[in-house]
C-alpha cells in the first residue's frame, strides 16, 4: 500500500505524440511526480522530438517503462495503487475527486484515448468539464490541470515549505 510519502504517478498509455510525452515528463520532473509509460508508444522512446520536448529534465524524473498493459497492471497490483483515468467520458469532475498520495493518473492515446479494458480497470474515470461544443483539451494540458489539483489536495508540491512560507508572508 502506498504511504503518505509515495509520490503521485502520471501514466502515459501508448502515447502517440513525442512532444506531448516529453512535455508531460518535464512536468513530472518539475513537480516531483513519478512517470510510467505503457508501451507500445507511437514513436521510439529515444525519438529526438521526445528528447527535445523533455530537454534535460528527463534525467530528473523516475520513469517506469512497461512493455504492455498487462505488465503495467501486474506492477500496479503489487504496488496497491489506485488508477485514475482521465477521460472525456469520465463520470467524475476531477475537482470533485479526493486524491491520495500514490495515486496513478493515466492519460490515454492522443489519437484514440484508452481502450475498454483500461476503463474497466480504472478505480475512477475523471473528466475536466469543458464547453459542450468542443471535443477535448491537449493531453499534456489536461494532465497538468489534474495533477495540480492532486498535488494541492495531497500537499505534495515539490518545495511546499517555500510556498507555505510565501503564503504566511502575505496573510
C-alpha atoms as a PDB file:
ATOM      1  CA  UNK A   1       0.000   0.000   0.000  1.00  0.00           C
ATOM      2  CA  UNK A   2       1.259   3.495  -0.762  1.00  0.00           C
ATOM      3  CA  UNK A   3       2.331   5.714   2.120  1.00  0.00           C
ATOM      4  CA  UNK A   4       1.936   9.468   2.556  1.00  0.00           C
ATOM      5  CA  UNK A   5       5.429   9.825   1.048  1.00  0.00           C
ATOM      6  CA  UNK A   6       4.606   7.845  -2.116  1.00  0.00           C
ATOM      7  CA  UNK A   7       4.622  10.341  -4.963  1.00  0.00           C
ATOM      8  CA  UNK A   8       1.841  10.620  -7.452  1.00  0.00           C
ATOM      9  CA  UNK A   9       2.475   8.948 -10.789  1.00  0.00           C
ATOM     10  CA  UNK A  10       1.500  10.049 -14.281  1.00  0.00           C
ATOM     11  CA  UNK A  11       0.992   7.086 -16.608  1.00  0.00           C
ATOM     12  CA  UNK A  12       1.004   7.575 -20.370  1.00  0.00           C
ATOM     13  CA  UNK A  13      -0.947   4.837 -22.140  1.00  0.00           C
ATOM     14  CA  UNK A  14       0.659   4.159 -25.528  1.00  0.00           C
ATOM     15  CA  UNK A  15       1.477   7.809 -26.242  1.00  0.00           C
ATOM     16  CA  UNK A  16       1.290   8.889 -29.910  1.00  0.00           C
ATOM     17  CA  UNK A  17       2.972  12.283 -29.957  1.00  0.00           C
ATOM     18  CA  UNK A  18       6.554  12.582 -28.712  1.00  0.00           C
ATOM     19  CA  UNK A  19       6.290  16.298 -27.993  1.00  0.00           C
ATOM     20  CA  UNK A  20       3.318  15.728 -25.660  1.00  0.00           C
ATOM     21  CA  UNK A  21       5.094  12.857 -23.910  1.00  0.00           C
ATOM     22  CA  UNK A  22       8.221  14.960 -23.436  1.00  0.00           C
ATOM     23  CA  UNK A  23       6.167  17.847 -22.080  1.00  0.00           C
ATOM     24  CA  UNK A  24       4.396  15.576 -19.584  1.00  0.00           C
ATOM     25  CA  UNK A  25       7.675  14.038 -18.435  1.00  0.00           C
ATOM     26  CA  UNK A  26       9.110  17.523 -17.948  1.00  0.00           C
ATOM     27  CA  UNK A  27       6.030  18.312 -15.843  1.00  0.00           C
ATOM     28  CA  UNK A  28       6.728  15.203 -13.753  1.00  0.00           C
ATOM     29  CA  UNK A  29      10.352  16.199 -13.233  1.00  0.00           C
ATOM     30  CA  UNK A  30       9.486  19.724 -12.130  1.00  0.00           C
ATOM     31  CA  UNK A  31       6.701  18.654  -9.768  1.00  0.00           C
ATOM     32  CA  UNK A  32       8.359  15.558  -8.279  1.00  0.00           C
ATOM     33  CA  UNK A  33       5.899  13.122  -9.827  1.00  0.00           C
ATOM     34  CA  UNK A  34       6.893   9.637 -10.987  1.00  0.00           C
ATOM     35  CA  UNK A  35       6.065   8.603 -14.549  1.00  0.00           C
ATOM     36  CA  UNK A  36       5.092   5.372 -16.251  1.00  0.00           C
ATOM     37  CA  UNK A  37       4.914   4.660 -19.958  1.00  0.00           C
ATOM     38  CA  UNK A  38       2.712   1.803 -21.125  1.00  0.00           C
ATOM     39  CA  UNK A  39       4.077   0.650 -24.455  1.00  0.00           C
ATOM     40  CA  UNK A  40       3.992   0.369 -27.327  1.00  0.00           C
ATOM     41  CA  UNK A  41       4.436   4.068 -27.928  1.00  0.00           C
ATOM     42  CA  UNK A  42       3.679   5.524 -31.346  1.00  0.00           C
ATOM     43  CA  UNK A  43       7.316   6.650 -31.631  1.00  0.00           C
ATOM     44  CA  UNK A  44      10.728   5.423 -30.488  1.00  0.00           C
ATOM     45  CA  UNK A  45      11.263   6.432 -26.865  1.00  0.00           C
ATOM     46  CA  UNK A  46      14.651   7.832 -27.902  1.00  0.00           C
ATOM     47  CA  UNK A  47      12.995   9.939 -30.632  1.00  0.00           C
ATOM     48  CA  UNK A  48      14.642  13.362 -30.973  1.00  0.00           C
ATOM     49  CA  UNK A  49      11.307  15.214 -30.649  1.00  0.00           C
ATOM     50  CA  UNK A  50      10.610  13.368 -27.395  1.00  0.00           C
ATOM     51  CA  UNK A  51      14.041  14.321 -26.032  1.00  0.00           C
ATOM     52  CA  UNK A  52      13.696  17.901 -27.303  1.00  0.00           C
ATOM     53  CA  UNK A  53      10.360  18.463 -25.561  1.00  0.00           C
ATOM     54  CA  UNK A  54      11.685  16.964 -22.324  1.00  0.00           C
ATOM     55  CA  UNK A  55      15.023  18.790 -22.622  1.00  0.00           C
ATOM     56  CA  UNK A  56      17.461  17.864 -19.868  1.00  0.00           C
ATOM     57  CA  UNK A  57      14.557  17.374 -17.453  1.00  0.00           C
ATOM     58  CA  UNK A  58      14.208  13.713 -18.386  1.00  0.00           C
ATOM     59  CA  UNK A  59      17.251  12.963 -16.230  1.00  0.00           C
ATOM     60  CA  UNK A  60      15.265  14.227 -13.215  1.00  0.00           C
ATOM     61  CA  UNK A  61      12.187  12.009 -13.403  1.00  0.00           C
ATOM     62  CA  UNK A  62      11.762   8.354 -12.479  1.00  0.00           C
ATOM     63  CA  UNK A  63      10.230   6.646 -15.496  1.00  0.00           C
ATOM     64  CA  UNK A  64       8.928   3.097 -15.299  1.00  0.00           C
ATOM     65  CA  UNK A  65       8.524   1.554 -18.741  1.00  0.00           C
ATOM     66  CA  UNK A  66       6.011  -1.255 -19.120  1.00  0.00           C
ATOM     67  CA  UNK A  67       6.085  -3.317 -22.324  1.00  0.00           C
ATOM     68  CA  UNK A  68       2.315  -3.883 -22.253  1.00  0.00           C
ATOM     69  CA  UNK A  69      -0.924  -3.065 -20.483  1.00  0.00           C
ATOM     70  CA  UNK A  70      -0.772  -6.455 -18.765  1.00  0.00           C
ATOM     71  CA  UNK A  71       2.729  -5.733 -17.407  1.00  0.00           C
ATOM     72  CA  UNK A  72       1.565  -2.336 -16.127  1.00  0.00           C
ATOM     73  CA  UNK A  73      -1.432  -3.887 -14.381  1.00  0.00           C
ATOM     74  CA  UNK A  74       0.784  -6.503 -12.714  1.00  0.00           C
ATOM     75  CA  UNK A  75       3.092  -3.734 -11.464  1.00  0.00           C
ATOM     76  CA  UNK A  76       0.135  -1.717 -10.216  1.00  0.00           C
ATOM     77  CA  UNK A  77      -1.413  -4.714  -8.437  1.00  0.00           C
ATOM     78  CA  UNK A  78       1.781  -5.339  -6.479  1.00  0.00           C
ATOM     79  CA  UNK A  79       2.034  -1.667  -5.509  1.00  0.00           C
ATOM     80  CA  UNK A  80      -1.605  -1.386  -4.341  1.00  0.00           C
ATOM     81  CA  UNK A  81      -2.066   1.973  -6.068  1.00  0.00           C
ATOM     82  CA  UNK A  82      -5.313   3.393  -7.425  1.00  0.00           C
ATOM     83  CA  UNK A  83      -5.652   4.011 -11.154  1.00  0.00           C
ATOM     84  CA  UNK A  84      -7.426   7.240 -12.090  1.00  0.00           C
ATOM     85  CA  UNK A  85      -8.156   7.566 -15.791  1.00  0.00           C
ATOM     86  CA  UNK A  86      -8.581  10.976 -17.389  1.00  0.00           C
ATOM     87  CA  UNK A  87     -11.287  10.668 -19.996  1.00  0.00           C
ATOM     88  CA  UNK A  88     -13.762  12.849 -21.813  1.00  0.00           C
ATOM     89  CA  UNK A  89     -16.220  10.053 -20.878  1.00  0.00           C
ATOM     90  CA  UNK A  90     -15.360  10.197 -17.168  1.00  0.00           C
ATOM     91  CA  UNK A  91     -18.168  10.271 -14.622  1.00  0.00           C
ATOM     92  CA  UNK A  92     -16.477  12.437 -12.011  1.00  0.00           C
ATOM     93  CA  UNK A  93     -15.295  16.024 -12.455  1.00  0.00           C
ATOM     94  CA  UNK A  94     -11.646  15.993 -11.355  1.00  0.00           C
ATOM     95  CA  UNK A  95     -12.100  18.872  -8.890  1.00  0.00           C
ATOM     96  CA  UNK A  96     -14.778  16.850  -7.035  1.00  0.00           C
ATOM     97  CA  UNK A  97     -12.493  13.828  -6.592  1.00  0.00           C
ATOM     98  CA  UNK A  98     -10.489  13.146  -3.406  1.00  0.00           C
ATOM     99  CA  UNK A  99      -6.907  12.311  -4.380  1.00  0.00           C
ATOM    100  CA  UNK A 100      -4.491  10.274  -2.255  1.00  0.00           C
ATOM    101  CA  UNK A 101      -0.689  10.059  -2.190  1.00  0.00           C
ATOM    102  CA  UNK A 102       0.499   7.391  -4.609  1.00  0.00           C
ATOM    103  CA  UNK A 103      -2.452   7.691  -6.992  1.00  0.00           C
ATOM    104  CA  UNK A 104      -1.682   6.928 -10.620  1.00  0.00           C
ATOM    105  CA  UNK A 105      -3.236   9.410 -13.021  1.00  0.00           C
ATOM    106  CA  UNK A 106      -3.387   7.922 -16.513  1.00  0.00           C
ATOM    107  CA  UNK A 107      -3.879   9.658 -19.843  1.00  0.00           C
ATOM    108  CA  UNK A 108      -4.853   7.773 -22.982  1.00  0.00           C
ATOM    109  CA  UNK A 109      -3.505   7.949 -26.505  1.00  0.00           C
ATOM    110  CA  UNK A 110      -3.935  11.308 -28.166  1.00  0.00           C
ATOM    111  CA  UNK A 111      -5.492   9.666 -31.230  1.00  0.00           C
ATOM    112  CA  UNK A 112      -7.815   7.161 -29.569  1.00  0.00           C
ATOM    113  CA  UNK A 113      -7.995   7.632 -25.800  1.00  0.00           C
ATOM    114  CA  UNK A 114      -7.935   4.477 -23.720  1.00  0.00           C
ATOM    115  CA  UNK A 115      -9.469   1.132 -24.707  1.00  0.00           C
ATOM    116  CA  UNK A 116     -12.330  -0.534 -22.793  1.00  0.00           C
ATOM    117  CA  UNK A 117     -10.018  -2.756 -20.695  1.00  0.00           C
ATOM    118  CA  UNK A 118      -8.305   0.351 -19.294  1.00  0.00           C
ATOM    119  CA  UNK A 119     -11.657   1.968 -18.485  1.00  0.00           C
ATOM    120  CA  UNK A 120     -12.774  -1.229 -16.749  1.00  0.00           C
ATOM    121  CA  UNK A 121      -9.594  -1.462 -14.678  1.00  0.00           C
ATOM    122  CA  UNK A 122      -9.692   2.165 -13.518  1.00  0.00           C
ATOM    123  CA  UNK A 123     -10.736   2.876  -9.955  1.00  0.00           C
ATOM    124  CA  UNK A 124     -12.216   6.173 -11.181  1.00  0.00           C
ATOM    125  CA  UNK A 125     -12.722   7.917 -14.519  1.00  0.00           C
ATOM    126  CA  UNK A 126     -12.179  11.653 -14.171  1.00  0.00           C
ATOM    127  CA  UNK A 127     -13.110  14.393 -16.600  1.00  0.00           C
ATOM    128  CA  UNK A 128     -12.355  18.050 -16.995  1.00  0.00           C
ATOM    129  CA  UNK A 129     -15.608  19.916 -17.598  1.00  0.00           C
ATOM    130  CA  UNK A 130     -15.291  21.845 -20.860  1.00  0.00           C
ATOM    131  CA  UNK A 131     -17.695  23.533 -23.226  1.00  0.00           C
ATOM    132  CA  UNK A 132     -20.120  21.071 -24.813  1.00  0.00           C
ATOM    133  CA  UNK A 133     -19.333  22.254 -28.333  1.00  0.00           C
ATOM    134  CA  UNK A 134     -15.608  21.391 -28.047  1.00  0.00           C
ATOM    135  CA  UNK A 135     -14.023  17.941 -28.073  1.00  0.00           C
ATOM    136  CA  UNK A 136     -11.111  17.947 -25.626  1.00  0.00           C
ATOM    137  CA  UNK A 137      -8.031  19.625 -24.227  1.00  0.00           C
ATOM    138  CA  UNK A 138      -4.476  18.776 -25.196  1.00  0.00           C
ATOM    139  CA  UNK A 139      -3.466  15.718 -23.171  1.00  0.00           C
ATOM    140  CA  UNK A 140      -0.475  17.494 -21.572  1.00  0.00           C
ATOM    141  CA  UNK A 141      -2.662  20.433 -20.519  1.00  0.00           C
ATOM    142  CA  UNK A 142      -5.251  18.044 -19.061  1.00  0.00           C
ATOM    143  CA  UNK A 143      -2.559  16.137 -17.153  1.00  0.00           C
ATOM    144  CA  UNK A 144      -1.160  19.388 -15.733  1.00  0.00           C
ATOM    145  CA  UNK A 145      -4.574  20.570 -14.539  1.00  0.00           C
ATOM    146  CA  UNK A 146      -5.450  17.318 -12.806  1.00  0.00           C
ATOM    147  CA  UNK A 147      -2.013  16.747 -11.300  1.00  0.00           C
ATOM    148  CA  UNK A 148      -2.031  20.296  -9.961  1.00  0.00           C
ATOM    149  CA  UNK A 149      -5.282  19.605  -8.115  1.00  0.00           C
ATOM    150  CA  UNK A 150      -3.996  16.230  -6.887  1.00  0.00           C
ATOM    151  CA  UNK A 151      -0.807  17.849  -5.551  1.00  0.00           C
ATOM    152  CA  UNK A 152      -2.796  20.623  -3.905  1.00  0.00           C
ATOM    153  CA  UNK A 153      -5.040  18.132  -2.123  1.00  0.00           C
ATOM    154  CA  UNK A 154      -2.210  15.838  -1.025  1.00  0.00           C
ATOM    155  CA  UNK A 155       0.121  18.718  -0.122  1.00  0.00           C
ATOM    156  CA  UNK A 156       2.623  17.155  -2.461  1.00  0.00           C
ATOM    157  CA  UNK A 157       4.051  20.122  -4.341  1.00  0.00           C
ATOM    158  CA  UNK A 158       7.838  19.986  -4.527  1.00  0.00           C
ATOM    159  CA  UNK A 159       9.267  22.765  -2.364  1.00  0.00           C
ATOM    160  CA  UNK A 160       5.969  23.086  -0.484  1.00  0.00           C
ATOM    161  CA  UNK A 161       7.653  24.726   2.518  1.00  0.00           C
ATOM    162  CA  UNK A 162       8.771  27.617   0.305  1.00  0.00           C
ATOM    163  CA  UNK A 163       5.195  28.016  -0.957  1.00  0.00           C
ATOM    164  CA  UNK A 164       3.800  27.805   2.590  1.00  0.00           C
ATOM    165  CA  UNK A 165       6.257  30.472   3.734  1.00  0.00           C
ATOM    166  CA  UNK A 166       5.137  32.782   0.941  1.00  0.00           C
ATOM    167  CA  UNK A 167       1.502  32.343   1.973  1.00  0.00           C
ATOM    168  CA  UNK A 168       2.310  33.227   5.574  1.00  0.00           C
ATOM    169  CA  UNK A 169       4.197  36.316   4.439  1.00  0.00           C
ATOM    170  CA  UNK A 170       1.176  37.633   2.530  1.00  0.00           C
ATOM    171  CA  UNK A 171      -1.512  36.568   5.037  1.00  0.00           C
END
